[in-house]
PDB file of all heavy atoms in Angstrom:
ATOM      1  N   ASP A   1       0.830  -1.213  -0.009  1.00  0.00           N
ATOM      2  CA  ASP A   1       0.001  -0.009   0.007  1.00  0.00           C
ATOM      3  C   ASP A   1       0.873   1.263   0.000  1.00  0.00           C
ATOM      4  O   ASP A   1       2.101   1.202   0.008  1.00  0.00           O
ATOM      5  CB  ASP A   1      -0.993   0.005   1.165  1.00  0.00           C
ATOM      6  CG  ASP A   1      -0.266   0.037   2.531  1.00  0.00           C
ATOM      7  OD1 ASP A   1       0.930   0.353   2.565  1.00  0.00           O
ATOM      8  OD2 ASP A   1      -0.926  -0.301   3.538  1.00  0.00           O
ATOM      9  N   GLY A   2       0.215   2.411   0.038  1.00  0.00           N
ATOM     10  CA  GLY A   2       0.918   3.690  -0.065  1.00  0.00           C
ATOM     11  C   GLY A   2       1.810   3.961   1.138  1.00  0.00           C
ATOM     12  O   GLY A   2       2.904   4.560   0.990  1.00  0.00           O
ATOM     13  N   ILE A   3       1.414   3.539   2.310  1.00  0.00           N
ATOM     14  CA  ILE A   3       2.263   3.767   3.519  1.00  0.00           C
ATOM     15  C   ILE A   3       3.546   3.004   3.398  1.00  0.00           C
ATOM     16  O   ILE A   3       4.627   3.546   3.680  1.00  0.00           O
ATOM     17  CB  ILE A   3       1.489   3.334   4.791  1.00  0.00           C
ATOM     18  CG1 ILE A   3       0.216   4.180   5.005  1.00  0.00           C
ATOM     19  CG2 ILE A   3       2.407   3.382   6.007  1.00  0.00           C
ATOM     20  CD1 ILE A   3       0.520   5.639   5.312  1.00  0.00           C
ATOM     21  N   GLU A   4       3.476   1.732   2.982  1.00  0.00           N
ATOM     22  CA  GLU A   4       4.672   0.919   2.843  1.00  0.00           C
ATOM     23  C   GLU A   4       5.562   1.489   1.717  1.00  0.00           C
ATOM     24  O   GLU A   4       6.790   1.451   1.791  1.00  0.00           O
ATOM     25  CB  GLU A   4       4.324  -0.547   2.582  1.00  0.00           C
ATOM     26  CG  GLU A   4       3.652  -1.241   3.746  1.00  0.00           C
ATOM     27  CD  GLU A   4       4.527  -1.192   4.982  1.00  0.00           C
ATOM     28  OE1 GLU A   4       5.768  -1.435   4.873  1.00  0.00           O
ATOM     29  OE2 GLU A   4       3.998  -0.932   6.065  1.00  0.00           O
ATOM     30  N   LEU A   5       4.916   1.965   0.641  1.00  0.00           N
ATOM     31  CA  LEU A   5       5.666   2.576  -0.460  1.00  0.00           C
ATOM     32  C   LEU A   5       6.382   3.836   0.032  1.00  0.00           C
ATOM     33  O   LEU A   5       7.570   4.061  -0.317  1.00  0.00           O
ATOM     34  CB  LEU A   5       4.729   2.943  -1.618  1.00  0.00           C
ATOM     35  CG  LEU A   5       5.359   3.685  -2.824  1.00  0.00           C
ATOM     36  CD1 LEU A   5       6.484   2.858  -3.414  1.00  0.00           C
ATOM     37  CD2 LEU A   5       4.300   4.005  -3.838  1.00  0.00           C
ATOM     38  N   LEU A   6       5.718   4.654   0.842  1.00  0.00           N
ATOM     39  CA  LEU A   6       6.317   5.840   1.414  1.00  0.00           C
ATOM     40  C   LEU A   6       7.559   5.470   2.207  1.00  0.00           C
ATOM     41  O   LEU A   6       8.655   6.118   2.070  1.00  0.00           O
ATOM     42  CB  LEU A   6       5.319   6.548   2.299  1.00  0.00           C
ATOM     43  CG  LEU A   6       5.866   7.688   3.203  1.00  0.00           C
ATOM     44  CD1 LEU A   6       6.407   8.818   2.365  1.00  0.00           C
ATOM     45  CD2 LEU A   6       4.738   8.206   4.140  1.00  0.00           C
ATOM     46  N   LYS A   7       7.509   4.462   3.040  1.00  0.00           N
ATOM     47  CA  LYS A   7       8.646   4.002   3.859  1.00  0.00           C
ATOM     48  C   LYS A   7       9.783   3.573   2.946  1.00  0.00           C
ATOM     49  O   LYS A   7      10.972   3.893   3.175  1.00  0.00           O
ATOM     50  CB  LYS A   7       8.269   2.847   4.764  1.00  0.00           C
ATOM     51  CG  LYS A   7       7.272   3.224   5.869  1.00  0.00           C
ATOM     52  CD  LYS A   7       6.914   2.007   6.675  1.00  0.00           C
ATOM     53  CE  LYS A   7       5.877   2.330   7.791  1.00  0.00           C
ATOM     54  NZ  LYS A   7       5.516   1.125   8.560  1.00  0.00           N
ATOM     55  N   ALA A   8       9.464   2.810   1.888  1.00  0.00           N
ATOM     56  CA  ALA A   8      10.465   2.311   0.974  1.00  0.00           C
ATOM     57  C   ALA A   8      11.157   3.454   0.211  1.00  0.00           C
ATOM     58  O   ALA A   8      12.376   3.422   0.015  1.00  0.00           O
ATOM     59  CB  ALA A   8       9.854   1.310  -0.006  1.00  0.00           C
ATOM     60  N   ILE A   9      10.371   4.454  -0.189  1.00  0.00           N
ATOM     61  CA  ILE A   9      10.955   5.585  -0.925  1.00  0.00           C
ATOM     62  C   ILE A   9      11.910   6.358  -0.011  1.00  0.00           C
ATOM     63  O   ILE A   9      13.010   6.723  -0.409  1.00  0.00           O
ATOM     64  CB  ILE A   9       9.806   6.502  -1.451  1.00  0.00           C
ATOM     65  CG1 ILE A   9       9.026   5.809  -2.570  1.00  0.00           C
ATOM     66  CG2 ILE A   9      10.383   7.824  -1.964  1.00  0.00           C
ATOM     67  CD1 ILE A   9       7.784   6.576  -3.014  1.00  0.00           C
ATOM     68  N   LYS A  10      11.440   6.644   1.220  1.00  0.00           N
ATOM     69  CA  LYS A  10      12.317   7.417   2.133  1.00  0.00           C
ATOM     70  C   LYS A  10      13.552   6.660   2.543  1.00  0.00           C
ATOM     71  O   LYS A  10      14.610   7.285   2.808  1.00  0.00           O
ATOM     72  CB  LYS A  10      11.510   7.803   3.376  1.00  0.00           C
ATOM     73  CG  LYS A  10      10.399   8.847   3.091  1.00  0.00           C
ATOM     74  CD  LYS A  10      11.004  10.143   2.643  1.00  0.00           C
ATOM     75  CE  LYS A  10       9.928  11.198   2.413  1.00  0.00           C
ATOM     76  NZ  LYS A  10      10.541  12.485   1.969  1.00  0.00           N
ATOM     77  N   ALA A  11      13.454   5.332   2.555  1.00  0.00           N
ATOM     78  CA  ALA A  11      14.657   4.541   2.854  1.00  0.00           C
ATOM     79  C   ALA A  11      15.678   4.654   1.725  1.00  0.00           C
ATOM     80  O   ALA A  11      16.876   4.637   1.974  1.00  0.00           O
ATOM     81  CB  ALA A  11      14.277   3.080   3.093  1.00  0.00           C
ATOM     82  N   ARG A  12      15.178   4.741   0.495  1.00  0.00           N
ATOM     83  CA  ARG A  12      16.056   4.840  -0.671  1.00  0.00           C
ATOM     84  C   ARG A  12      16.594   6.250  -0.849  1.00  0.00           C
ATOM     85  O   ARG A  12      17.792   6.447  -1.089  1.00  0.00           O
ATOM     86  CB  ARG A  12      15.328   4.378  -1.950  1.00  0.00           C
ATOM     87  CG  ARG A  12      15.160   2.886  -2.095  1.00  0.00           C
ATOM     88  CD  ARG A  12      14.223   2.572  -3.233  1.00  0.00           C
ATOM     89  NE  ARG A  12      14.210   1.153  -3.551  1.00  0.00           N
ATOM     90  CZ  ARG A  12      13.590   0.239  -2.861  1.00  0.00           C
ATOM     91  NH1 ARG A  12      12.937   0.577  -1.761  1.00  0.00           N
ATOM     92  NH2 ARG A  12      13.624  -1.050  -3.216  1.00  0.00           N
ATOM     93  N   ASP A  13      15.760   7.254  -0.715  1.00  0.00           N
ATOM     94  CA  ASP A  13      16.142   8.611  -0.931  1.00  0.00           C
ATOM     95  C   ASP A  13      15.244   9.565  -0.136  1.00  0.00           C
ATOM     96  O   ASP A  13      14.107   9.854  -0.514  1.00  0.00           O
ATOM     97  CB  ASP A  13      16.058   8.985  -2.407  1.00  0.00           C
ATOM     98  CG  ASP A  13      16.668  10.334  -2.726  1.00  0.00           C
ATOM     99  OD1 ASP A  13      16.850  11.122  -1.822  1.00  0.00           O
ATOM    100  OD2 ASP A  13      16.955  10.587  -3.894  1.00  0.00           O
ATOM    101  N   PRO A  14      15.700  10.050   1.038  1.00  0.00           N
ATOM    102  CA  PRO A  14      14.856  10.894   1.895  1.00  0.00           C
ATOM    103  C   PRO A  14      14.444  12.216   1.229  1.00  0.00           C
ATOM    104  O   PRO A  14      13.518  12.890   1.688  1.00  0.00           O
ATOM    105  CB  PRO A  14      15.751  11.168   3.110  1.00  0.00           C
ATOM    106  CG  PRO A  14      16.771  10.036   3.092  1.00  0.00           C
ATOM    107  CD  PRO A  14      17.007   9.718   1.653  1.00  0.00           C
ATOM    108  N   ASP A  15      15.183  12.625   0.144  1.00  0.00           N
ATOM    109  CA  ASP A  15      14.932  13.916  -0.466  1.00  0.00           C
ATOM    110  C   ASP A  15      13.774  13.868  -1.438  1.00  0.00           C
ATOM    111  O   ASP A  15      13.285  14.923  -1.933  1.00  0.00           O
ATOM    112  CB  ASP A  15      16.158  14.428  -1.188  1.00  0.00           C
ATOM    113  CG  ASP A  15      17.249  14.900  -0.222  1.00  0.00           C
ATOM    114  OD1 ASP A  15      16.899  15.092   0.962  1.00  0.00           O
ATOM    115  OD2 ASP A  15      18.401  15.049  -0.648  1.00  0.00           O
ATOM    116  N   ILE A  16      13.280  12.704  -1.806  1.00  0.00           N
ATOM    117  CA  ILE A  16      12.110  12.622  -2.704  1.00  0.00           C
ATOM    118  C   ILE A  16      10.859  13.052  -1.945  1.00  0.00           C
ATOM    119  O   ILE A  16      10.576  12.516  -0.833  1.00  0.00           O
ATOM    120  CB  ILE A  16      11.913  11.180  -3.289  1.00  0.00           C
ATOM    121  CG1 ILE A  16      13.113  10.791  -4.160  1.00  0.00           C
ATOM    122  CG2 ILE A  16      10.637  11.104  -4.024  1.00  0.00           C
ATOM    123  CD1 ILE A  16      13.023   9.418  -4.725  1.00  0.00           C
ATOM    124  N   GLU A  17      10.127  14.029  -2.457  1.00  0.00           N
ATOM    125  CA  GLU A  17       8.921  14.502  -1.831  1.00  0.00           C
ATOM    126  C   GLU A  17       7.735  13.570  -2.212  1.00  0.00           C
ATOM    127  O   GLU A  17       7.588  13.276  -3.390  1.00  0.00           O
ATOM    128  CB  GLU A  17       8.608  15.920  -2.246  1.00  0.00           C
ATOM    129  CG  GLU A  17       9.706  16.935  -1.940  1.00  0.00           C
ATOM    130  CD  GLU A  17       9.984  17.099  -0.462  1.00  0.00           C
ATOM    131  OE1 GLU A  17       9.058  16.815   0.342  1.00  0.00           O
ATOM    132  OE2 GLU A  17      11.088  17.500  -0.060  1.00  0.00           O
ATOM    133  N   VAL A  18       6.973  13.142  -1.201  1.00  0.00           N
ATOM    134  CA  VAL A  18       5.883  12.219  -1.429  1.00  0.00           C
ATOM    135  C   VAL A  18       4.556  12.846  -1.011  1.00  0.00           C
ATOM    136  O   VAL A  18       4.422  13.288   0.143  1.00  0.00           O
ATOM    137  CB  VAL A  18       6.100  10.872  -0.689  1.00  0.00           C
ATOM    138  CG1 VAL A  18       4.932   9.904  -0.962  1.00  0.00           C
ATOM    139  CG2 VAL A  18       7.468  10.252  -1.039  1.00  0.00           C
ATOM    140  N   ILE A  19       3.623  12.918  -1.926  1.00  0.00           N
ATOM    141  CA  ILE A  19       2.286  13.453  -1.649  1.00  0.00           C
ATOM    142  C   ILE A  19       1.278  12.282  -1.665  1.00  0.00           C
ATOM    143  O   ILE A  19       1.248  11.484  -2.605  1.00  0.00           O
ATOM    144  CB  ILE A  19       1.850  14.477  -2.724  1.00  0.00           C
ATOM    145  CG1 ILE A  19       2.840  15.656  -2.768  1.00  0.00           C
ATOM    146  CG2 ILE A  19       0.441  14.972  -2.450  1.00  0.00           C
ATOM    147  CD1 ILE A  19       2.644  16.608  -3.925  1.00  0.00           C
ATOM    148  N   MET A  20       0.520  12.132  -0.601  1.00  0.00           N
ATOM    149  CA  MET A  20      -0.387  11.062  -0.484  1.00  0.00           C
ATOM    150  C   MET A  20      -1.774  11.428  -0.971  1.00  0.00           C
ATOM    151  O   MET A  20      -2.262  12.556  -0.688  1.00  0.00           O
ATOM    152  CB  MET A  20      -0.473  10.588   1.012  1.00  0.00           C
ATOM    153  CG  MET A  20       0.906  10.377   1.677  1.00  0.00           C
ATOM    154  SD  MET A  20       1.896   9.114   0.877  1.00  0.00           S
ATOM    155  CE  MET A  20       0.957   7.641   1.264  1.00  0.00           C
ATOM    156  N   MET A  21      -2.462  10.493  -1.701  1.00  0.00           N
ATOM    157  CA  MET A  21      -3.833  10.692  -2.077  1.00  0.00           C
ATOM    158  C   MET A  21      -4.726   9.771  -1.212  1.00  0.00           C
ATOM    159  O   MET A  21      -4.482   8.601  -1.127  1.00  0.00           O
ATOM    160  CB  MET A  21      -4.013  10.330  -3.587  1.00  0.00           C
ATOM    161  CG  MET A  21      -3.211  11.227  -4.510  1.00  0.00           C
ATOM    162  SD  MET A  21      -3.487  10.861  -6.258  1.00  0.00           S
ATOM    163  CE  MET A  21      -2.684   9.227  -6.404  1.00  0.00           C
ATOM    164  N   THR A  22      -5.707  10.378  -0.584  1.00  0.00           N
ATOM    165  CA  THR A  22      -6.557   9.634   0.346  1.00  0.00           C
ATOM    166  C   THR A  22      -8.027   9.795   0.037  1.00  0.00           C
ATOM    167  O   THR A  22      -8.436  10.786  -0.621  1.00  0.00           O
ATOM    168  CB  THR A  22      -6.287  10.113   1.794  1.00  0.00           C
ATOM    169  OG1 THR A  22      -6.865  11.408   1.932  1.00  0.00           O
ATOM    170  CG2 THR A  22      -4.836  10.122   2.096  1.00  0.00           C
ATOM    171  N   GLY A  23      -8.814   8.862   0.523  1.00  0.00           N
ATOM    172  CA  GLY A  23     -10.307   9.034   0.528  1.00  0.00           C
ATOM    173  C   GLY A  23     -10.715   9.718   1.811  1.00  0.00           C
ATOM    174  O   GLY A  23      -9.903   9.889   2.721  1.00  0.00           O
ATOM    175  N   HIS A  24     -11.963  10.114   1.908  1.00  0.00           N
ATOM    176  CA  HIS A  24     -12.444  10.807   3.081  1.00  0.00           C
ATOM    177  C   HIS A  24     -12.382   9.932   4.350  1.00  0.00           C
ATOM    178  O   HIS A  24     -12.243  10.463   5.431  1.00  0.00           O
ATOM    179  CB  HIS A  24     -13.898  11.271   2.848  1.00  0.00           C
ATOM    180  CG  HIS A  24     -14.008  12.418   1.919  1.00  0.00           C
ATOM    181  ND1 HIS A  24     -13.587  13.667   2.224  1.00  0.00           N
ATOM    182  CD2 HIS A  24     -14.473  12.483   0.658  1.00  0.00           C
ATOM    183  CE1 HIS A  24     -13.788  14.513   1.244  1.00  0.00           C
ATOM    184  NE2 HIS A  24     -14.329  13.812   0.231  1.00  0.00           N
ATOM    185  N   GLY A  25     -12.376   8.651   4.198  1.00  0.00           N
ATOM    186  CA  GLY A  25     -12.332   7.772   5.392  1.00  0.00           C
ATOM    187  C   GLY A  25     -10.946   7.349   5.760  1.00  0.00           C
ATOM    188  O   GLY A  25     -10.796   6.519   6.644  1.00  0.00           O
ATOM    189  N   ASP A  26      -9.941   7.936   5.094  1.00  0.00           N
ATOM    190  CA  ASP A  26      -8.534   7.491   5.325  1.00  0.00           C
ATOM    191  C   ASP A  26      -7.741   8.547   6.079  1.00  0.00           C
ATOM    192  O   ASP A  26      -6.548   8.594   5.983  1.00  0.00           O
ATOM    193  CB  ASP A  26      -7.837   7.220   3.999  1.00  0.00           C
ATOM    194  CG  ASP A  26      -8.553   6.113   3.210  1.00  0.00           C
ATOM    195  OD1 ASP A  26      -9.119   5.221   3.875  1.00  0.00           O
ATOM    196  OD2 ASP A  26      -8.477   6.148   1.977  1.00  0.00           O
ATOM    197  N   MET A  27      -8.381   9.392   6.892  1.00  0.00           N
ATOM    198  CA  MET A  27      -7.659  10.504   7.549  1.00  0.00           C
ATOM    199  C   MET A  27      -6.592   9.991   8.542  1.00  0.00           C
ATOM    200  O   MET A  27      -5.537  10.555   8.695  1.00  0.00           O
ATOM    201  CB  MET A  27      -8.633  11.378   8.248  1.00  0.00           C
ATOM    202  CG  MET A  27      -9.553  12.180   7.346  1.00  0.00           C
ATOM    203  SD  MET A  27      -8.613  13.127   6.123  1.00  0.00           S
ATOM    204  CE  MET A  27      -7.733  14.271   7.204  1.00  0.00           C
ATOM    205  N   ASP A  28      -6.903   8.895   9.252  1.00  0.00           N
ATOM    206  CA  ASP A  28      -5.936   8.341  10.172  1.00  0.00           C
ATOM    207  C   ASP A  28      -4.659   7.896   9.441  1.00  0.00           C
ATOM    208  O   ASP A  28      -3.520   8.134   9.889  1.00  0.00           O
ATOM    209  CB  ASP A  28      -6.499   7.141  10.938  1.00  0.00           C
ATOM    210  CG  ASP A  28      -7.547   7.594  11.936  1.00  0.00           C
ATOM    211  OD1 ASP A  28      -7.585   8.763  12.298  1.00  0.00           O
ATOM    212  OD2 ASP A  28      -8.335   6.723  12.351  1.00  0.00           O
ATOM    213  N   LEU A  29      -4.865   7.259   8.276  1.00  0.00           N
ATOM    214  CA  LEU A  29      -3.704   6.880   7.473  1.00  0.00           C
ATOM    215  C   LEU A  29      -2.938   8.111   6.900  1.00  0.00           C
ATOM    216  O   LEU A  29      -1.693   8.117   6.835  1.00  0.00           O
ATOM    217  CB  LEU A  29      -4.149   6.015   6.298  1.00  0.00           C
ATOM    218  CG  LEU A  29      -4.662   4.619   6.650  1.00  0.00           C
ATOM    219  CD1 LEU A  29      -5.175   3.900   5.422  1.00  0.00           C
ATOM    220  CD2 LEU A  29      -3.535   3.796   7.317  1.00  0.00           C
ATOM    221  N   ALA A  30      -3.689   9.129   6.575  1.00  0.00           N
ATOM    222  CA  ALA A  30      -3.076  10.344   6.071  1.00  0.00           C
ATOM    223  C   ALA A  30      -2.186  11.005   7.163  1.00  0.00           C
ATOM    224  O   ALA A  30      -1.060  11.426   6.893  1.00  0.00           O
ATOM    225  CB  ALA A  30      -4.117  11.347   5.620  1.00  0.00           C
ATOM    226  N   ILE A  31      -2.692  11.058   8.358  1.00  0.00           N
ATOM    227  CA  ILE A  31      -1.921  11.634   9.478  1.00  0.00           C
ATOM    228  C   ILE A  31      -0.678  10.766   9.758  1.00  0.00           C
ATOM    229  O   ILE A  31       0.422  11.281  10.043  1.00  0.00           O
ATOM    230  CB  ILE A  31      -2.788  11.749  10.735  1.00  0.00           C
ATOM    231  CG1 ILE A  31      -3.922  12.809  10.471  1.00  0.00           C
ATOM    232  CG2 ILE A  31      -1.976  12.136  11.945  1.00  0.00           C
ATOM    233  CD1 ILE A  31      -4.960  12.863  11.529  1.00  0.00           C
ATOM    234  N   GLN A  32      -0.862   9.443   9.673  1.00  0.00           N
ATOM    235  CA  GLN A  32       0.257   8.516   9.881  1.00  0.00           C
ATOM    236  C   GLN A  32       1.332   8.779   8.820  1.00  0.00           C
ATOM    237  O   GLN A  32       2.524   8.748   9.114  1.00  0.00           O
ATOM    238  CB  GLN A  32      -0.219   7.083   9.793  1.00  0.00           C
ATOM    239  CG  GLN A  32       0.906   6.070  10.038  1.00  0.00           C
ATOM    240  CD  GLN A  32       0.404   4.627   9.875  1.00  0.00           C
ATOM    241  OE1 GLN A  32      -0.785   4.402   9.754  1.00  0.00           O
ATOM    242  NE2 GLN A  32       1.315   3.677   9.837  1.00  0.00           N
ATOM    243  N   SER A  33       0.908   9.058   7.566  1.00  0.00           N
ATOM    244  CA  SER A  33       1.876   9.306   6.486  1.00  0.00           C
ATOM    245  C   SER A  33       2.695  10.555   6.756  1.00  0.00           C
ATOM    246  O   SER A  33       3.869  10.628   6.448  1.00  0.00           O
ATOM    247  CB  SER A  33       1.136   9.391   5.138  1.00  0.00           C
ATOM    248  OG  SER A  33       0.361  10.577   5.073  1.00  0.00           O
ATOM    249  N   LEU A  34       2.028  11.601   7.314  1.00  0.00           N
ATOM    250  CA  LEU A  34       2.776  12.818   7.662  1.00  0.00           C
ATOM    251  C   LEU A  34       3.855  12.593   8.705  1.00  0.00           C
ATOM    252  O   LEU A  34       4.950  13.150   8.676  1.00  0.00           O
ATOM    253  CB  LEU A  34       1.827  13.907   8.152  1.00  0.00           C
ATOM    254  CG  LEU A  34       0.800  14.440   7.111  1.00  0.00           C
ATOM    255  CD1 LEU A  34      -0.114  15.467   7.781  1.00  0.00           C
ATOM    256  CD2 LEU A  34       1.524  15.039   5.896  1.00  0.00           C
ATOM    257  N   LYS A  35       3.537  11.680   9.682  1.00  0.00           N
ATOM    258  CA  LYS A  35       4.548  11.312  10.657  1.00  0.00           C
ATOM    259  C   LYS A  35       5.708  10.566  10.053  1.00  0.00           C
ATOM    260  O   LYS A  35       6.845  10.585  10.606  1.00  0.00           O
ATOM    261  CB  LYS A  35       3.885  10.454  11.757  1.00  0.00           C
ATOM    262  CG  LYS A  35       2.854  11.213  12.599  1.00  0.00           C
ATOM    263  CD  LYS A  35       2.248  10.297  13.652  1.00  0.00           C
ATOM    264  CE  LYS A  35       1.224  11.051  14.517  1.00  0.00           C
ATOM    265  NZ  LYS A  35       0.583  10.162  15.539  1.00  0.00           N
ATOM    266  N   LEU A  36       5.456   9.921   8.895  1.00  0.00           N
ATOM    267  CA  LEU A  36       6.507   9.207   8.182  1.00  0.00           C
ATOM    268  C   LEU A  36       7.191  10.059   7.133  1.00  0.00           C
ATOM    269  O   LEU A  36       7.841   9.569   6.253  1.00  0.00           O
ATOM    270  CB  LEU A  36       5.929   7.946   7.552  1.00  0.00           C
ATOM    271  CG  LEU A  36       5.409   6.891   8.506  1.00  0.00           C
ATOM    272  CD1 LEU A  36       4.651   5.807   7.752  1.00  0.00           C
ATOM    273  CD2 LEU A  36       6.544   6.299   9.329  1.00  0.00           C
ATOM    274  N   GLU A  37       7.001  11.402   7.294  1.00  0.00           N
ATOM    275  CA  GLU A  37       7.689  12.429   6.490  1.00  0.00           C
ATOM    276  C   GLU A  37       7.137  12.552   5.104  1.00  0.00           C
ATOM    277  O   GLU A  37       7.833  12.935   4.132  1.00  0.00           O
ATOM    278  CB  GLU A  37       9.217  12.140   6.412  1.00  0.00           C
ATOM    279  CG  GLU A  37       9.877  12.150   7.776  1.00  0.00           C
ATOM    280  CD  GLU A  37      11.423  12.009   7.677  1.00  0.00           C
ATOM    281  OE1 GLU A  37      11.918  11.906   6.549  1.00  0.00           O
ATOM    282  OE2 GLU A  37      12.033  11.901   8.714  1.00  0.00           O
ATOM    283  N   ALA A  38       5.833  12.257   4.887  1.00  0.00           N
ATOM    284  CA  ALA A  38       5.180  12.636   3.659  1.00  0.00           C
ATOM    285  C   ALA A  38       5.088  14.145   3.615  1.00  0.00           C
ATOM    286  O   ALA A  38       4.952  14.816   4.643  1.00  0.00           O
ATOM    287  CB  ALA A  38       3.798  12.033   3.568  1.00  0.00           C
ATOM    288  N   THR A  39       5.133  14.709   2.387  1.00  0.00           N
ATOM    289  CA  THR A  39       5.115  16.165   2.241  1.00  0.00           C
ATOM    290  C   THR A  39       3.718  16.731   2.500  1.00  0.00           C
ATOM    291  O   THR A  39       3.562  17.741   3.204  1.00  0.00           O
ATOM    292  CB  THR A  39       5.542  16.545   0.801  1.00  0.00           C
ATOM    293  OG1 THR A  39       6.789  15.936   0.536  1.00  0.00           O
ATOM    294  CG2 THR A  39       5.684  18.077   0.673  1.00  0.00           C
ATOM    295  N   ASP A  40       2.723  16.049   2.005  1.00  0.00           N
ATOM    296  CA  ASP A  40       1.344  16.572   2.087  1.00  0.00           C
ATOM    297  C   ASP A  40       0.379  15.440   1.745  1.00  0.00           C
ATOM    298  O   ASP A  40       0.829  14.350   1.376  1.00  0.00           O
ATOM    299  CB  ASP A  40       1.149  17.738   1.108  1.00  0.00           C
ATOM    300  CG  ASP A  40       0.014  18.646   1.502  1.00  0.00           C
ATOM    301  OD1 ASP A  40      -0.754  18.260   2.427  1.00  0.00           O
ATOM    302  OD2 ASP A  40      -0.114  19.722   0.888  1.00  0.00           O
ATOM    303  N   PHE A  41      -0.892  15.665   1.955  1.00  0.00           N
ATOM    304  CA  PHE A  41      -1.911  14.714   1.445  1.00  0.00           C
ATOM    305  C   PHE A  41      -3.072  15.499   0.826  1.00  0.00           C
ATOM    306  O   PHE A  41      -3.384  16.634   1.275  1.00  0.00           O
ATOM    307  CB  PHE A  41      -2.382  13.760   2.511  1.00  0.00           C
ATOM    308  CG  PHE A  41      -3.191  14.385   3.622  1.00  0.00           C
ATOM    309  CD1 PHE A  41      -4.561  14.545   3.508  1.00  0.00           C
ATOM    310  CD2 PHE A  41      -2.530  14.845   4.778  1.00  0.00           C
ATOM    311  CE1 PHE A  41      -5.289  15.112   4.544  1.00  0.00           C
ATOM    312  CE2 PHE A  41      -3.284  15.454   5.790  1.00  0.00           C
ATOM    313  CZ  PHE A  41      -4.668  15.561   5.681  1.00  0.00           C
ATOM    314  N   ILE A  42      -3.716  14.926  -0.153  1.00  0.00           N
ATOM    315  CA  ILE A  42      -4.897  15.551  -0.817  1.00  0.00           C
ATOM    316  C   ILE A  42      -5.965  14.449  -0.899  1.00  0.00           C
ATOM    317  O   ILE A  42      -5.662  13.270  -1.064  1.00  0.00           O
ATOM    318  CB  ILE A  42      -4.571  16.077  -2.182  1.00  0.00           C
ATOM    319  CG1 ILE A  42      -3.831  15.070  -3.051  1.00  0.00           C
ATOM    320  CG2 ILE A  42      -3.751  17.374  -2.116  1.00  0.00           C
ATOM    321  CD1 ILE A  42      -3.500  15.558  -4.439  1.00  0.00           C
ATOM    322  N   THR A  43      -7.193  14.874  -0.755  1.00  0.00           N
ATOM    323  CA  THR A  43      -8.313  13.926  -0.737  1.00  0.00           C
ATOM    324  C   THR A  43      -8.988  13.809  -2.104  1.00  0.00           C
ATOM    325  O   THR A  43      -9.037  14.778  -2.881  1.00  0.00           O
ATOM    326  CB  THR A  43      -9.329  14.359   0.317  1.00  0.00           C
ATOM    327  OG1 THR A  43      -9.799  15.663  -0.002  1.00  0.00           O
ATOM    328  CG2 THR A  43      -8.763  14.346   1.696  1.00  0.00           C
ATOM    329  N   LYS A  44      -9.443  12.609  -2.370  1.00  0.00           N
ATOM    330  CA  LYS A  44     -10.184  12.353  -3.597  1.00  0.00           C
ATOM    331  C   LYS A  44     -11.670  12.771  -3.427  1.00  0.00           C
ATOM    332  O   LYS A  44     -12.176  12.600  -2.309  1.00  0.00           O
ATOM    333  CB  LYS A  44     -10.105  10.851  -3.982  1.00  0.00           C
ATOM    334  CG  LYS A  44      -8.676  10.386  -4.295  1.00  0.00           C
ATOM    335  CD  LYS A  44      -8.698   8.896  -4.659  1.00  0.00           C
ATOM    336  CE  LYS A  44      -7.328   8.407  -4.979  1.00  0.00           C
ATOM    337  NZ  LYS A  44      -7.344   6.943  -5.311  1.00  0.00           N
TER     338      LYS A  44
END
């Protein structure tokens, strides 16, 4: 999923900016992604 992909990207290159796309029911996951150094999130 996107969270695991975010971790894998940051492990390879922390400088790559990652923007997460979420549904309205995925806010907890979106907040979790910010803690994992995602740049931002936008909702579908």
